[in-house]
Amino acid sequence: MMGKDKERWMELCERAASEQDPKQMLKLVAEIIRLLDAKEKRLKKTRAPKKTRV
């Protein structure tokens, strides 16, 4: 699933770079942001330091 997301946001970036319709470009950018936010959340979960009790 993560590989698919990476491919998807990169594909959307390529499409947005050449998009001429401003409304369509906004849709593409919104989807890119959504995918990157989801990726950031996944990364934060995997990198979060484990709390230890003393």
N, C-alpha and C. Protein backbone atom coordinates (compact mmCIF):
# COMPACT_ATOMS: atom_id res chain seq x y z
N MET A 1 0.82 -1.20 0.00
CA MET A 1 0.00 0.00 0.00
C MET A 1 0.86 1.26 0.00
N MET A 2 1.90 1.30 0.79
CA MET A 2 2.73 2.49 0.84
C MET A 2 3.39 2.76 -0.50
N GLY A 3 3.84 1.73 -1.18
CA GLY A 3 4.44 1.91 -2.49
C GLY A 3 3.46 2.52 -3.48
N LYS A 4 2.21 2.07 -3.40
CA LYS A 4 1.17 2.62 -4.26
C LYS A 4 0.98 4.10 -3.99
N ASP A 5 0.95 4.48 -2.71
CA ASP A 5 0.76 5.89 -2.35
C ASP A 5 1.90 6.73 -2.91
N LYS A 6 3.12 6.24 -2.80
CA LYS A 6 4.27 6.98 -3.29
C LYS A 6 4.14 7.19 -4.79
N GLU A 7 3.84 6.15 -5.49
CA GLU A 7 3.67 6.25 -6.93
C GLU A 7 2.55 7.22 -7.26
N ARG A 8 1.48 7.15 -6.52
CA ARG A 8 0.31 7.99 -6.79
C ARG A 8 0.64 9.47 -6.61
N TRP A 9 1.29 9.85 -5.48
CA TRP A 9 1.54 11.27 -5.28
C TRP A 9 2.57 11.80 -6.27
N MET A 10 3.50 10.95 -6.66
CA MET A 10 4.48 11.39 -7.66
C MET A 10 3.81 11.56 -9.03
N GLU A 11 2.92 10.65 -9.36
CA GLU A 11 2.17 10.75 -10.61
C GLU A 11 1.33 12.03 -10.63
N LEU A 12 0.70 12.32 -9.50
CA LEU A 12 -0.13 13.52 -9.41
C LEU A 12 0.71 14.79 -9.54
N CYS A 13 1.92 14.77 -8.99
CA CYS A 13 2.83 15.92 -9.13
C CYS A 13 3.17 16.17 -10.59
N GLU A 14 3.44 15.09 -11.30
CA GLU A 14 3.75 15.22 -12.73
C GLU A 14 2.56 15.79 -13.50
N ARG A 15 1.38 15.31 -13.17
CA ARG A 15 0.18 15.81 -13.84
C ARG A 15 -0.07 17.27 -13.50
N ALA A 16 0.11 17.64 -12.22
CA ALA A 16 -0.12 19.02 -11.79
C ALA A 16 0.86 19.98 -12.47
N ALA A 17 2.08 19.53 -12.70
CA ALA A 17 3.10 20.38 -13.32
C ALA A 17 2.71 20.82 -14.73
N SER A 18 1.91 20.02 -15.41
CA SER A 18 1.53 20.37 -16.77
C SER A 18 0.05 20.71 -16.93
N GLU A 19 -0.68 20.72 -15.82
CA GLU A 19 -2.12 20.99 -15.87
C GLU A 19 -2.38 22.46 -16.22
N GLN A 20 -3.27 22.70 -17.16
CA GLN A 20 -3.60 24.07 -17.59
C GLN A 20 -4.87 24.61 -16.91
N ASP A 21 -5.74 23.72 -16.51
CA ASP A 21 -7.01 24.12 -15.87
C ASP A 21 -6.78 24.36 -14.38
N PRO A 22 -6.96 25.60 -13.90
CA PRO A 22 -6.71 25.91 -12.49
C PRO A 22 -7.54 25.07 -11.52
N LYS A 23 -8.79 24.80 -11.87
CA LYS A 23 -9.64 24.01 -10.98
C LYS A 23 -9.13 22.57 -10.87
N GLN A 24 -8.72 22.01 -11.99
CA GLN A 24 -8.19 20.65 -11.99
C GLN A 24 -6.87 20.61 -11.23
N MET A 25 -6.05 21.65 -11.40
CA MET A 25 -4.78 21.70 -10.69
C MET A 25 -5.01 21.73 -9.17
N LEU A 26 -5.99 22.49 -8.72
CA LEU A 26 -6.31 22.54 -7.29
C LEU A 26 -6.74 21.17 -6.78
N LYS A 27 -7.51 20.45 -7.58
CA LYS A 27 -7.93 19.10 -7.19
C LYS A 27 -6.71 18.18 -7.05
N LEU A 28 -5.80 18.29 -8.01
CA LEU A 28 -4.59 17.46 -7.97
C LEU A 28 -3.75 17.80 -6.74
N VAL A 29 -3.57 19.09 -6.49
CA VAL A 29 -2.76 19.52 -5.35
C VAL A 29 -3.40 19.08 -4.04
N ALA A 30 -4.71 19.17 -3.94
CA ALA A 30 -5.40 18.73 -2.73
C ALA A 30 -5.17 17.24 -2.48
N GLU A 31 -5.21 16.45 -3.53
CA GLU A 31 -4.98 15.01 -3.39
C GLU A 31 -3.52 14.73 -3.02
N ILE A 32 -2.60 15.47 -3.59
CA ILE A 32 -1.18 15.32 -3.24
C ILE A 32 -0.99 15.61 -1.76
N ILE A 33 -1.57 16.69 -1.29
CA ILE A 33 -1.45 17.06 0.12
C ILE A 33 -2.04 15.97 1.01
N ARG A 34 -3.19 15.44 0.63
CA ARG A 34 -3.83 14.38 1.43
C ARG A 34 -2.92 13.16 1.53
N LEU A 35 -2.35 12.75 0.39
CA LEU A 35 -1.48 11.58 0.38
C LEU A 35 -0.21 11.81 1.20
N LEU A 36 0.37 13.01 1.08
CA LEU A 36 1.59 13.30 1.83
C LEU A 36 1.33 13.43 3.32
N ASP A 37 0.17 13.99 3.69
CA ASP A 37 -0.20 14.05 5.11
C ASP A 37 -0.34 12.65 5.69
N ALA A 38 -0.97 11.76 4.94
CA ALA A 38 -1.14 10.38 5.40
C ALA A 38 0.23 9.71 5.56
N LYS A 39 1.13 9.97 4.63
CA LYS A 39 2.47 9.40 4.72
C LYS A 39 3.20 9.94 5.94
N GLU A 40 3.08 11.23 6.18
CA GLU A 40 3.74 11.84 7.34
C GLU A 40 3.23 11.22 8.64
N LYS A 41 1.93 11.00 8.74
CA LYS A 41 1.35 10.39 9.94
C LYS A 41 1.89 8.97 10.13
N ARG A 42 1.99 8.20 9.03
CA ARG A 42 2.54 6.85 9.13
C ARG A 42 3.97 6.88 9.62
N LEU A 43 4.76 7.81 9.08
CA LEU A 43 6.17 7.90 9.47
C LEU A 43 6.32 8.31 10.92
N LYS A 44 5.49 9.23 11.38
CA LYS A 44 5.56 9.67 12.78
C LYS A 44 5.25 8.51 13.72
N LYS A 45 4.30 7.66 13.34
CA LYS A 45 3.96 6.51 14.18
C LYS A 45 5.13 5.54 14.28
N THR A 46 5.82 5.32 13.18
CA THR A 46 6.92 4.36 13.19
C THR A 46 8.17 4.92 13.84
N ARG A 47 8.30 6.24 13.86
CA ARG A 47 9.50 6.86 14.44
C ARG A 47 9.30 7.34 15.87
N ALA A 48 8.10 7.27 16.39
CA ALA A 48 7.82 7.76 17.74
C ALA A 48 8.61 6.96 18.76
N PRO A 49 9.34 7.66 19.63
CA PRO A 49 10.11 6.93 20.66
C PRO A 49 9.15 6.26 21.64
N LYS A 50 9.51 5.05 22.01
CA LYS A 50 8.70 4.31 22.97
C LYS A 50 8.96 4.84 24.37
N LYS A 51 7.87 5.07 25.10
CA LYS A 51 7.99 5.57 26.47
C LYS A 51 8.28 4.40 27.40
N THR A 52 9.23 4.60 28.27
CA THR A 52 9.56 3.55 29.25
C THR A 52 9.28 4.08 30.64
N ARG A 53 8.81 3.20 31.47
CA ARG A 53 8.55 3.57 32.86
C ARG A 53 9.78 3.28 33.69
N VAL A 54 10.02 4.17 34.64
CA VAL A 54 11.18 3.99 35.52
C VAL A 54 10.74 3.61 36.89
